Amino acid sequence: NVVQRSINVVLCSINVVLRSINVVLCSINVVQRSINVVLCSINVVQRSINVVLCSINVVLRSINVVLCGIGVVLRSINVVLCILRSI
């Protein structure tokens, strides 16, 4: 009977240790999930910033095309004026 009680005490102690380990592992899991949520949120923000930057890039390219067109027109006018002066 004493041996059985001793074995029971040992098993209960092992059970307590295993439960404590389980609590620690669950806590680590919660922390990992929280970190994952934060990283996903950062990823969403980065993607949103990327979309904004791409849109700005498109606008700037369009402005560049317009300015190049204006440059072509001005050069053409300059050529016409040079021809008129030489006449």
N, C-alpha and C. Protein backbone atom coordinates (compact mmCIF):
# COMPACT_ATOMS: atom_id res chain seq x y z
N ASN A 1 0.84 -1.21 0.00
CA ASN A 1 0.00 0.00 0.00
C ASN A 1 0.87 1.26 0.00
N VAL A 2 1.94 1.23 0.77
CA VAL A 2 2.86 2.37 0.82
C VAL A 2 3.52 2.55 -0.54
N VAL A 3 3.89 1.45 -1.18
CA VAL A 3 4.51 1.52 -2.51
C VAL A 3 3.52 2.11 -3.51
N GLN A 4 2.28 1.69 -3.44
CA GLN A 4 1.27 2.21 -4.35
C GLN A 4 1.07 3.72 -4.15
N ARG A 5 1.08 4.14 -2.88
CA ARG A 5 0.92 5.57 -2.60
C ARG A 5 2.12 6.36 -3.12
N SER A 6 3.29 5.78 -2.96
CA SER A 6 4.50 6.45 -3.46
C SER A 6 4.45 6.57 -4.97
N ILE A 7 4.05 5.49 -5.61
CA ILE A 7 3.93 5.52 -7.08
C ILE A 7 2.88 6.56 -7.48
N ASN A 8 1.78 6.62 -6.74
CA ASN A 8 0.72 7.58 -7.03
C ASN A 8 1.24 9.01 -6.88
N VAL A 9 2.02 9.26 -5.85
CA VAL A 9 2.60 10.59 -5.64
C VAL A 9 3.52 10.95 -6.79
N VAL A 10 4.35 10.02 -7.23
CA VAL A 10 5.27 10.25 -8.34
C VAL A 10 4.47 10.54 -9.61
N LEU A 11 3.46 9.75 -9.87
CA LEU A 11 2.65 9.94 -11.07
C LEU A 11 1.92 11.29 -11.03
N CYS A 12 1.42 11.65 -9.85
CA CYS A 12 0.75 12.94 -9.73
C CYS A 12 1.74 14.08 -9.97
N SER A 13 2.95 13.93 -9.46
CA SER A 13 3.97 14.95 -9.67
C SER A 13 4.30 15.08 -11.16
N ILE A 14 4.44 13.92 -11.82
CA ILE A 14 4.70 13.93 -13.27
C ILE A 14 3.55 14.60 -14.00
N ASN A 15 2.32 14.32 -13.57
CA ASN A 15 1.14 14.93 -14.19
C ASN A 15 1.16 16.45 -14.02
N VAL A 16 1.54 16.92 -12.84
CA VAL A 16 1.62 18.36 -12.60
C VAL A 16 2.67 18.99 -13.50
N VAL A 17 3.82 18.33 -13.62
CA VAL A 17 4.89 18.85 -14.49
C VAL A 17 4.41 18.90 -15.94
N LEU A 18 3.75 17.84 -16.39
CA LEU A 18 3.26 17.80 -17.78
C LEU A 18 2.20 18.88 -18.02
N ARG A 19 1.35 19.11 -17.03
CA ARG A 19 0.34 20.16 -17.17
C ARG A 19 1.01 21.54 -17.24
N SER A 20 2.05 21.72 -16.44
CA SER A 20 2.78 22.99 -16.46
C SER A 20 3.44 23.19 -17.82
N ILE A 21 4.04 22.13 -18.34
CA ILE A 21 4.66 22.21 -19.67
C ILE A 21 3.60 22.55 -20.71
N ASN A 22 2.43 21.94 -20.58
CA ASN A 22 1.33 22.20 -21.52
C ASN A 22 0.91 23.67 -21.45
N VAL A 23 0.82 24.22 -20.25
CA VAL A 23 0.46 25.63 -20.10
C VAL A 23 1.50 26.52 -20.77
N VAL A 24 2.79 26.20 -20.56
CA VAL A 24 3.86 26.98 -21.19
C VAL A 24 3.76 26.90 -22.71
N LEU A 25 3.56 25.70 -23.24
CA LEU A 25 3.46 25.53 -24.69
C LEU A 25 2.24 26.26 -25.25
N CYS A 26 1.14 26.24 -24.52
CA CYS A 26 -0.06 26.97 -24.97
C CYS A 26 0.22 28.47 -24.97
N SER A 27 0.93 28.95 -23.96
CA SER A 27 1.27 30.37 -23.90
C SER A 27 2.17 30.75 -25.09
N ILE A 28 3.15 29.90 -25.37
CA ILE A 28 4.03 30.14 -26.52
C ILE A 28 3.21 30.16 -27.81
N ASN A 29 2.25 29.27 -27.92
CA ASN A 29 1.39 29.22 -29.11
C ASN A 29 0.59 30.50 -29.26
N VAL A 30 0.06 31.01 -28.14
CA VAL A 30 -0.70 32.26 -28.18
C VAL A 30 0.20 33.41 -28.64
N VAL A 31 1.43 33.45 -28.10
CA VAL A 31 2.37 34.50 -28.50
C VAL A 31 2.68 34.39 -29.99
N GLN A 32 2.92 33.18 -30.47
CA GLN A 32 3.21 32.98 -31.90
C GLN A 32 2.04 33.43 -32.76
N ARG A 33 0.82 33.12 -32.33
CA ARG A 33 -0.37 33.55 -33.10
C ARG A 33 -0.48 35.07 -33.11
N SER A 34 -0.18 35.68 -31.97
CA SER A 34 -0.24 37.14 -31.90
C SER A 34 0.80 37.76 -32.83
N ILE A 35 2.02 37.21 -32.81
CA ILE A 35 3.08 37.69 -33.70
C ILE A 35 2.64 37.52 -35.15
N ASN A 36 2.01 36.39 -35.46
CA ASN A 36 1.54 36.13 -36.82
C ASN A 36 0.51 37.17 -37.25
N VAL A 37 -0.40 37.52 -36.34
CA VAL A 37 -1.41 38.55 -36.65
C VAL A 37 -0.73 39.88 -36.94
N VAL A 38 0.27 40.24 -36.10
CA VAL A 38 0.98 41.50 -36.30
C VAL A 38 1.69 41.49 -37.66
N LEU A 39 2.37 40.39 -37.97
CA LEU A 39 3.10 40.30 -39.25
C LEU A 39 2.14 40.36 -40.44
N CYS A 40 0.98 39.72 -40.30
CA CYS A 40 -0.02 39.79 -41.38
C CYS A 40 -0.52 41.23 -41.56
N SER A 41 -0.72 41.92 -40.45
CA SER A 41 -1.17 43.31 -40.52
C SER A 41 -0.10 44.17 -41.21
N ILE A 42 1.17 43.95 -40.83
CA ILE A 42 2.27 44.69 -41.46
C ILE A 42 2.29 44.39 -42.96
N ASN A 43 2.06 43.13 -43.32
CA ASN A 43 2.04 42.75 -44.73
C ASN A 43 0.93 43.47 -45.49
N VAL A 44 -0.24 43.57 -44.86
CA VAL A 44 -1.37 44.28 -45.49
C VAL A 44 -1.01 45.75 -45.70
N VAL A 45 -0.38 46.36 -44.67
CA VAL A 45 0.02 47.77 -44.79
C VAL A 45 1.04 47.93 -45.91
N GLN A 46 2.02 47.02 -45.97
CA GLN A 46 3.04 47.10 -47.02
C GLN A 46 2.40 46.99 -48.40
N ARG A 47 1.43 46.08 -48.54
CA ARG A 47 0.76 45.92 -49.84
C ARG A 47 -0.02 47.18 -50.21
N SER A 48 -0.66 47.78 -49.20
CA SER A 48 -1.41 49.01 -49.45
C SER A 48 -0.47 50.13 -49.88
N ILE A 49 0.67 50.25 -49.18
CA ILE A 49 1.66 51.26 -49.55
C ILE A 49 2.16 51.00 -50.96
N ASN A 50 2.38 49.73 -51.30
CA ASN A 50 2.84 49.37 -52.64
C ASN A 50 1.84 49.80 -53.71
N VAL A 51 0.55 49.60 -53.41
CA VAL A 51 -0.50 50.01 -54.36
C VAL A 51 -0.48 51.52 -54.55
N VAL A 52 -0.34 52.26 -53.43
CA VAL A 52 -0.29 53.73 -53.51
C VAL A 52 0.91 54.17 -54.33
N LEU A 53 2.08 53.57 -54.05
CA LEU A 53 3.30 53.95 -54.77
C LEU A 53 3.18 53.62 -56.26
N CYS A 54 2.57 52.49 -56.58
CA CYS A 54 2.37 52.14 -58.00
C CYS A 54 1.44 53.14 -58.68
N SER A 55 0.39 53.57 -57.96
CA SER A 55 -0.52 54.56 -58.52
C SER A 55 0.20 55.88 -58.77
N ILE A 56 1.02 56.29 -57.78
CA ILE A 56 1.79 57.53 -57.95
C ILE A 56 2.73 57.39 -59.14
N ASN A 57 3.35 56.22 -59.29
CA ASN A 57 4.25 55.97 -60.41
C ASN A 57 3.51 56.12 -61.75
N VAL A 58 2.31 55.58 -61.82
CA VAL A 58 1.51 55.69 -63.05
C VAL A 58 1.21 57.15 -63.35
N VAL A 59 0.83 57.91 -62.31
CA VAL A 59 0.54 59.34 -62.51
C VAL A 59 1.78 60.07 -63.00
N LEU A 60 2.93 59.81 -62.37
CA LEU A 60 4.16 60.49 -62.77
C LEU A 60 4.55 60.13 -64.21
N ARG A 61 4.36 58.88 -64.59
CA ARG A 61 4.66 58.49 -65.98
C ARG A 61 3.74 59.21 -66.96
N SER A 62 2.47 59.34 -66.56
CA SER A 62 1.53 60.05 -67.42
C SER A 62 1.93 61.52 -67.57
N ILE A 63 2.31 62.14 -66.45
CA ILE A 63 2.77 63.53 -66.50
C ILE A 63 4.01 63.64 -67.39
N ASN A 64 4.91 62.66 -67.27
CA ASN A 64 6.12 62.65 -68.09
C ASN A 64 5.77 62.58 -69.58
N VAL A 65 4.79 61.75 -69.93
CA VAL A 65 4.37 61.64 -71.32
C VAL A 65 3.81 62.98 -71.81
N VAL A 66 2.98 63.61 -70.96
CA VAL A 66 2.40 64.91 -71.34
C VAL A 66 3.50 65.94 -71.54
N LEU A 67 4.47 66.00 -70.62
CA LEU A 67 5.56 66.96 -70.73
C LEU A 67 6.41 66.70 -71.97
N CYS A 68 6.63 65.42 -72.28
CA CYS A 68 7.38 65.10 -73.50
C CYS A 68 6.62 65.58 -74.73
N GLY A 69 5.28 65.38 -74.71
CA GLY A 69 4.45 65.85 -75.82
C GLY A 69 4.54 67.37 -75.96
N ILE A 70 4.47 68.08 -74.83
CA ILE A 70 4.60 69.54 -74.86
C ILE A 70 5.96 69.93 -75.42
N GLY A 71 7.01 69.20 -75.00
CA GLY A 71 8.36 69.46 -75.52
C GLY A 71 8.42 69.31 -77.02
N VAL A 72 7.79 68.28 -77.55
CA VAL A 72 7.77 68.05 -79.00
C VAL A 72 7.06 69.20 -79.70
N VAL A 73 5.92 69.63 -79.14
CA VAL A 73 5.18 70.74 -79.73
C VAL A 73 6.02 72.01 -79.73
N LEU A 74 6.67 72.30 -78.60
CA LEU A 74 7.50 73.51 -78.51
C LEU A 74 8.66 73.46 -79.49
N ARG A 75 9.27 72.31 -79.66
CA ARG A 75 10.36 72.19 -80.63
C ARG A 75 9.86 72.41 -82.05
N SER A 76 8.68 71.86 -82.31
CA SER A 76 8.10 72.05 -83.65
C SER A 76 7.83 73.53 -83.90
N ILE A 77 7.26 74.22 -82.89
CA ILE A 77 7.01 75.67 -83.03
C ILE A 77 8.33 76.39 -83.25
N ASN A 78 9.36 76.00 -82.51
CA ASN A 78 10.67 76.61 -82.65
C ASN A 78 11.21 76.43 -84.06
N VAL A 79 11.04 75.25 -84.62
CA VAL A 79 11.49 74.99 -86.00
C VAL A 79 10.74 75.89 -86.97
N VAL A 80 9.41 75.99 -86.78
CA VAL A 80 8.61 76.84 -87.67
C VAL A 80 9.06 78.29 -87.56
N LEU A 81 9.30 78.78 -86.33
CA LEU A 81 9.74 80.16 -86.14
C LEU A 81 11.11 80.39 -86.78
N CYS A 82 11.99 79.41 -86.68
CA CYS A 82 13.31 79.55 -87.31
C CYS A 82 13.18 79.63 -88.83
N ILE A 83 12.27 78.83 -89.37
CA ILE A 83 12.06 78.86 -90.83
C ILE A 83 11.50 80.22 -91.23
N LEU A 84 10.52 80.74 -90.47
CA LEU A 84 9.91 82.03 -90.79
C LEU A 84 10.94 83.17 -90.71
N ARG A 85 11.86 83.08 -89.76
CA ARG A 85 12.89 84.12 -89.64
C ARG A 85 13.84 84.11 -90.83
N SER A 86 14.09 82.92 -91.32
CA SER A 86 15.07 82.82 -92.42
C SER A 86 14.46 83.29 -93.75
N ILE A 87 13.17 83.41 -93.79
CA ILE A 87 12.53 83.85 -95.05
C ILE A 87 12.69 85.34 -95.23
